[in-house]
């Protein structure tokens, strides 16, 4: 049986990347840019809720 469930990784969400030692201050500009496009973005660990 095939599933027709949507996949969040195929949704065209904005993406951003940061190192695991980054502080919130380090990624703030990237998060704001992604947040201006969608309330969810794909980060290094998967989907992240931004607002």
PDB file of N, CA and C in Angstrom:
ATOM      1  N   UNK A   1       0.846  -1.184   0.000  1.00  0.00           N
ATOM      2  CA  UNK A   1       0.000   0.000   0.000  1.00  0.00           C
ATOM      3  C   UNK A   1       0.887   1.240   0.000  1.00  0.00           C
ATOM      4  N   UNK A   2       0.649   2.148  -0.906  1.00  0.00           N
ATOM      5  CA  UNK A   2       1.393   3.404  -0.986  1.00  0.00           C
ATOM      6  C   UNK A   2       0.714   4.466  -0.162  1.00  0.00           C
ATOM      7  N   UNK A   3       1.501   5.271   0.510  1.00  0.00           N
ATOM      8  CA  UNK A   3       0.972   6.368   1.308  1.00  0.00           C
ATOM      9  C   UNK A   3       1.064   7.659   0.501  1.00  0.00           C
ATOM     10  N   UNK A   4      -0.014   8.398   0.466  1.00  0.00           N
ATOM     11  CA  UNK A   4      -0.026   9.680  -0.233  1.00  0.00           C
ATOM     12  C   UNK A   4       0.147  10.834   0.751  1.00  0.00           C
ATOM     13  N   UNK A   5       0.631  10.529   1.955  1.00  0.00           N
ATOM     14  CA  UNK A   5       0.811  11.566   2.968  1.00  0.00           C
ATOM     15  C   UNK A   5       1.884  12.551   2.517  1.00  0.00           C
ATOM     16  N   UNK A   6       1.649  13.846   2.709  1.00  0.00           N
ATOM     17  CA  UNK A   6       2.659  14.841   2.321  1.00  0.00           C
ATOM     18  C   UNK A   6       3.917  14.719   3.184  1.00  0.00           C
ATOM     19  N   UNK A   7       5.028  15.122   2.633  1.00  0.00           N
ATOM     20  CA  UNK A   7       6.302  15.084   3.321  1.00  0.00           C
ATOM     21  C   UNK A   7       6.767  16.525   3.534  1.00  0.00           C
ATOM     22  N   UNK A   8       7.020  16.899   4.771  1.00  0.00           N
ATOM     23  CA  UNK A   8       7.422  18.274   5.087  1.00  0.00           C
ATOM     24  C   UNK A   8       8.724  18.653   4.381  1.00  0.00           C
ATOM     25  N   UNK A   9       9.573  17.685   4.098  1.00  0.00           N
ATOM     26  CA  UNK A   9      10.844  17.985   3.429  1.00  0.00           C
ATOM     27  C   UNK A   9      10.650  18.326   1.956  1.00  0.00           C
ATOM     28  N   UNK A  10       9.473  18.013   1.409  1.00  0.00           N
ATOM     29  CA  UNK A  10       9.168  18.341   0.014  1.00  0.00           C
ATOM     30  C   UNK A  10       8.282  19.577  -0.105  1.00  0.00           C
ATOM     31  N   UNK A  11       8.112  20.318   0.973  1.00  0.00           N
ATOM     32  CA  UNK A  11       7.171  21.434   1.002  1.00  0.00           C
ATOM     33  C   UNK A  11       7.756  22.750   0.491  1.00  0.00           C
ATOM     34  N   UNK A  12       9.029  22.769   0.134  1.00  0.00           N
ATOM     35  CA  UNK A  12       9.640  24.007  -0.345  1.00  0.00           C
ATOM     36  C   UNK A  12       9.876  25.029   0.759  1.00  0.00           C
ATOM     37  N   UNK A  13      10.041  24.569   1.988  1.00  0.00           N
ATOM     38  CA  UNK A  13      10.273  25.473   3.115  1.00  0.00           C
ATOM     39  C   UNK A  13      11.673  26.069   3.031  1.00  0.00           C
ATOM     40  N   UNK A  14      11.854  27.257   3.619  1.00  0.00           N
ATOM     41  CA  UNK A  14      13.197  27.833   3.647  1.00  0.00           C
ATOM     42  C   UNK A  14      14.131  26.946   4.472  1.00  0.00           C
ATOM     43  N   UNK A  15      15.405  27.018   4.190  1.00  0.00           N
ATOM     44  CA  UNK A  15      16.396  26.249   4.938  1.00  0.00           C
ATOM     45  C   UNK A  15      17.456  27.178   5.489  1.00  0.00           C
ATOM     46  N   UNK A  16      18.083  26.737   6.555  1.00  0.00           N
ATOM     47  CA  UNK A  16      19.246  27.435   7.075  1.00  0.00           C
ATOM     48  C   UNK A  16      20.110  26.434   7.813  1.00  0.00           C
ATOM     49  N   UNK A  17      21.365  26.775   7.996  1.00  0.00           N
ATOM     50  CA  UNK A  17      22.320  25.862   8.608  1.00  0.00           C
ATOM     51  C   UNK A  17      23.117  26.621   9.657  1.00  0.00           C
ATOM     52  N   UNK A  18      23.452  25.930  10.711  1.00  0.00           N
ATOM     53  CA  UNK A  18      24.286  26.511  11.755  1.00  0.00           C
ATOM     54  C   UNK A  18      25.003  25.389  12.479  1.00  0.00           C
ATOM     55  N   UNK A  19      26.104  25.720  13.112  1.00  0.00           N
ATOM     56  CA  UNK A  19      26.852  24.742  13.891  1.00  0.00           C
ATOM     57  C   UNK A  19      26.192  24.519  15.238  1.00  0.00           C
ATOM     58  N   UNK A  20      26.477  23.401  15.843  1.00  0.00           N
ATOM     59  CA  UNK A  20      25.837  23.061  17.117  1.00  0.00           C
ATOM     60  C   UNK A  20      26.344  23.892  18.286  1.00  0.00           C
ATOM     61  N   UNK A  21      27.402  24.639  18.080  1.00  0.00           N
ATOM     62  CA  UNK A  21      27.902  25.526  19.135  1.00  0.00           C
ATOM     63  C   UNK A  21      27.442  26.968  18.921  1.00  0.00           C
ATOM     64  N   UNK A  22      26.644  27.203  17.878  1.00  0.00           N
ATOM     65  CA  UNK A  22      26.152  28.561  17.593  1.00  0.00           C
ATOM     66  C   UNK A  22      25.208  29.026  18.690  1.00  0.00           C
ATOM     67  N   UNK A  23      25.296  30.288  18.999  1.00  0.00           N
ATOM     68  CA  UNK A  23      24.376  30.886  19.972  1.00  0.00           C
ATOM     69  C   UNK A  23      23.151  31.428  19.217  1.00  0.00           C
ATOM     70  N   UNK A  24      22.065  31.696  19.919  1.00  0.00           N
ATOM     71  CA  UNK A  24      20.911  32.316  19.252  1.00  0.00           C
ATOM     72  C   UNK A  24      21.297  33.608  18.529  1.00  0.00           C
ATOM     73  N   UNK A  25      22.203  34.382  19.106  1.00  0.00           N
ATOM     74  CA  UNK A  25      22.661  35.611  18.461  1.00  0.00           C
ATOM     75  C   UNK A  25      23.338  35.322  17.122  1.00  0.00           C
ATOM     76  N   UNK A  26      24.085  34.222  17.051  1.00  0.00           N
ATOM     77  CA  UNK A  26      24.801  33.859  15.826  1.00  0.00           C
ATOM     78  C   UNK A  26      23.852  33.558  14.665  1.00  0.00           C
ATOM     79  N   UNK A  27      22.678  33.016  14.947  1.00  0.00           N
ATOM     80  CA  UNK A  27      21.770  32.577  13.873  1.00  0.00           C
ATOM     81  C   UNK A  27      20.557  33.489  13.699  1.00  0.00           C
ATOM     82  N   UNK A  28      20.483  34.560  14.470  1.00  0.00           N
ATOM     83  CA  UNK A  28      19.304  35.419  14.465  1.00  0.00           C
ATOM     84  C   UNK A  28      18.951  35.952  13.075  1.00  0.00           C
ATOM     85  N   UNK A  29      19.908  36.443  12.330  1.00  0.00           N
ATOM     86  CA  UNK A  29      19.614  36.989  11.003  1.00  0.00           C
ATOM     87  C   UNK A  29      19.082  35.913  10.060  1.00  0.00           C
ATOM     88  N   UNK A  30      19.669  34.716  10.100  1.00  0.00           N
ATOM     89  CA  UNK A  30      19.194  33.627   9.245  1.00  0.00           C
ATOM     90  C   UNK A  30      17.782  33.198   9.635  1.00  0.00           C
ATOM     91  N   UNK A  31      17.498  33.141  10.929  1.00  0.00           N
ATOM     92  CA  UNK A  31      16.164  32.768  11.394  1.00  0.00           C
ATOM     93  C   UNK A  31      15.142  33.818  10.959  1.00  0.00           C
ATOM     94  N   UNK A  32      15.469  35.078  11.104  1.00  0.00           N
ATOM     95  CA  UNK A  32      14.538  36.142  10.689  1.00  0.00           C
ATOM     96  C   UNK A  32      14.265  36.097   9.191  1.00  0.00           C
ATOM     97  N   UNK A  33      15.285  35.827   8.395  1.00  0.00           N
ATOM     98  CA  UNK A  33      15.098  35.720   6.945  1.00  0.00           C
ATOM     99  C   UNK A  33      14.179  34.546   6.622  1.00  0.00           C
ATOM    100  N   UNK A  34      14.428  33.397   7.230  1.00  0.00           N
ATOM    101  CA  UNK A  34      13.575  32.224   7.002  1.00  0.00           C
ATOM    102  C   UNK A  34      12.159  32.496   7.497  1.00  0.00           C
ATOM    103  N   UNK A  35      12.023  33.134   8.650  1.00  0.00           N
ATOM    104  CA  UNK A  35      10.711  33.427   9.239  1.00  0.00           C
ATOM    105  C   UNK A  35       9.900  34.372   8.360  1.00  0.00           C
ATOM    106  N   UNK A  36      10.562  35.203   7.595  1.00  0.00           N
ATOM    107  CA  UNK A  36       9.833  36.112   6.708  1.00  0.00           C
ATOM    108  C   UNK A  36       9.185  35.353   5.545  1.00  0.00           C
ATOM    109  N   UNK A  37       9.621  34.129   5.298  1.00  0.00           N
ATOM    110  CA  UNK A  37       9.085  33.310   4.210  1.00  0.00           C
ATOM    111  C   UNK A  37       8.079  32.275   4.684  1.00  0.00           C
ATOM    112  N   UNK A  38       8.245  31.758   5.927  1.00  0.00           N
ATOM    113  CA  UNK A  38       7.355  30.706   6.422  1.00  0.00           C
ATOM    114  C   UNK A  38       7.515  30.576   7.936  1.00  0.00           C
ATOM    115  N   UNK A  39       6.503  30.030   8.625  1.00  0.00           N
ATOM    116  CA  UNK A  39       6.610  29.844  10.076  1.00  0.00           C
ATOM    117  C   UNK A  39       7.424  28.613  10.462  1.00  0.00           C
ATOM    118  N   UNK A  40       7.797  27.788   9.485  1.00  0.00           N
ATOM    119  CA  UNK A  40       8.606  26.593   9.706  1.00  0.00           C
ATOM    120  C   UNK A  40       9.751  26.620   8.700  1.00  0.00           C
ATOM    121  N   UNK A  41      10.936  26.192   9.128  1.00  0.00           N
ATOM    122  CA  UNK A  41      12.089  26.094   8.227  1.00  0.00           C
ATOM    123  C   UNK A  41      12.776  24.763   8.477  1.00  0.00           C
ATOM    124  N   UNK A  42      13.597  24.364   7.542  1.00  0.00           N
ATOM    125  CA  UNK A  42      14.378  23.150   7.704  1.00  0.00           C
ATOM    126  C   UNK A  42      15.770  23.542   8.177  1.00  0.00           C
ATOM    127  N   UNK A  43      16.089  23.141   9.397  1.00  0.00           N
ATOM    128  CA  UNK A  43      17.396  23.405   9.981  1.00  0.00           C
ATOM    129  C   UNK A  43      18.258  22.160   9.915  1.00  0.00           C
ATOM    130  N   UNK A  44      19.414  22.191  10.530  1.00  0.00           N
ATOM    131  CA  UNK A  44      20.341  21.062  10.444  1.00  0.00           C
ATOM    132  C   UNK A  44      19.812  19.778  11.078  1.00  0.00           C
ATOM    133  N   UNK A  45      18.876  19.883  11.995  1.00  0.00           N
ATOM    134  CA  UNK A  45      18.311  18.695  12.633  1.00  0.00           C
ATOM    135  C   UNK A  45      16.931  18.329  12.116  1.00  0.00           C
ATOM    136  N   UNK A  46      16.431  19.091  11.156  1.00  0.00           N
ATOM    137  CA  UNK A  46      15.099  18.833  10.600  1.00  0.00           C
ATOM    138  C   UNK A  46      14.226  20.064  10.715  1.00  0.00           C
ATOM    139  N   UNK A  47      12.908  19.889  10.633  1.00  0.00           N
ATOM    140  CA  UNK A  47      11.991  21.023  10.685  1.00  0.00           C
ATOM    141  C   UNK A  47      12.087  21.773  12.022  1.00  0.00           C
ATOM    142  N   UNK A  48      12.050  23.096  11.949  1.00  0.00           N
ATOM    143  CA  UNK A  48      12.090  23.945  13.145  1.00  0.00           C
ATOM    144  C   UNK A  48      10.953  24.946  13.073  1.00  0.00           C
ATOM    145  N   UNK A  49      10.192  25.043  14.143  1.00  0.00           N
ATOM    146  CA  UNK A  49       9.097  26.007  14.218  1.00  0.00           C
ATOM    147  C   UNK A  49       9.700  27.355  14.588  1.00  0.00           C
ATOM    148  N   UNK A  50       9.450  28.351  13.734  1.00  0.00           N
ATOM    149  CA  UNK A  50      10.022  29.680  13.932  1.00  0.00           C
ATOM    150  C   UNK A  50       9.052  30.666  14.529  1.00  0.00           C
ATOM    151  N   UNK A  51       7.770  30.454  14.329  1.00  0.00           N
ATOM    152  CA  UNK A  51       6.775  31.365  14.911  1.00  0.00           C
ATOM    153  C   UNK A  51       5.446  30.664  15.014  1.00  0.00           C
TER     154      UNK A  51
END
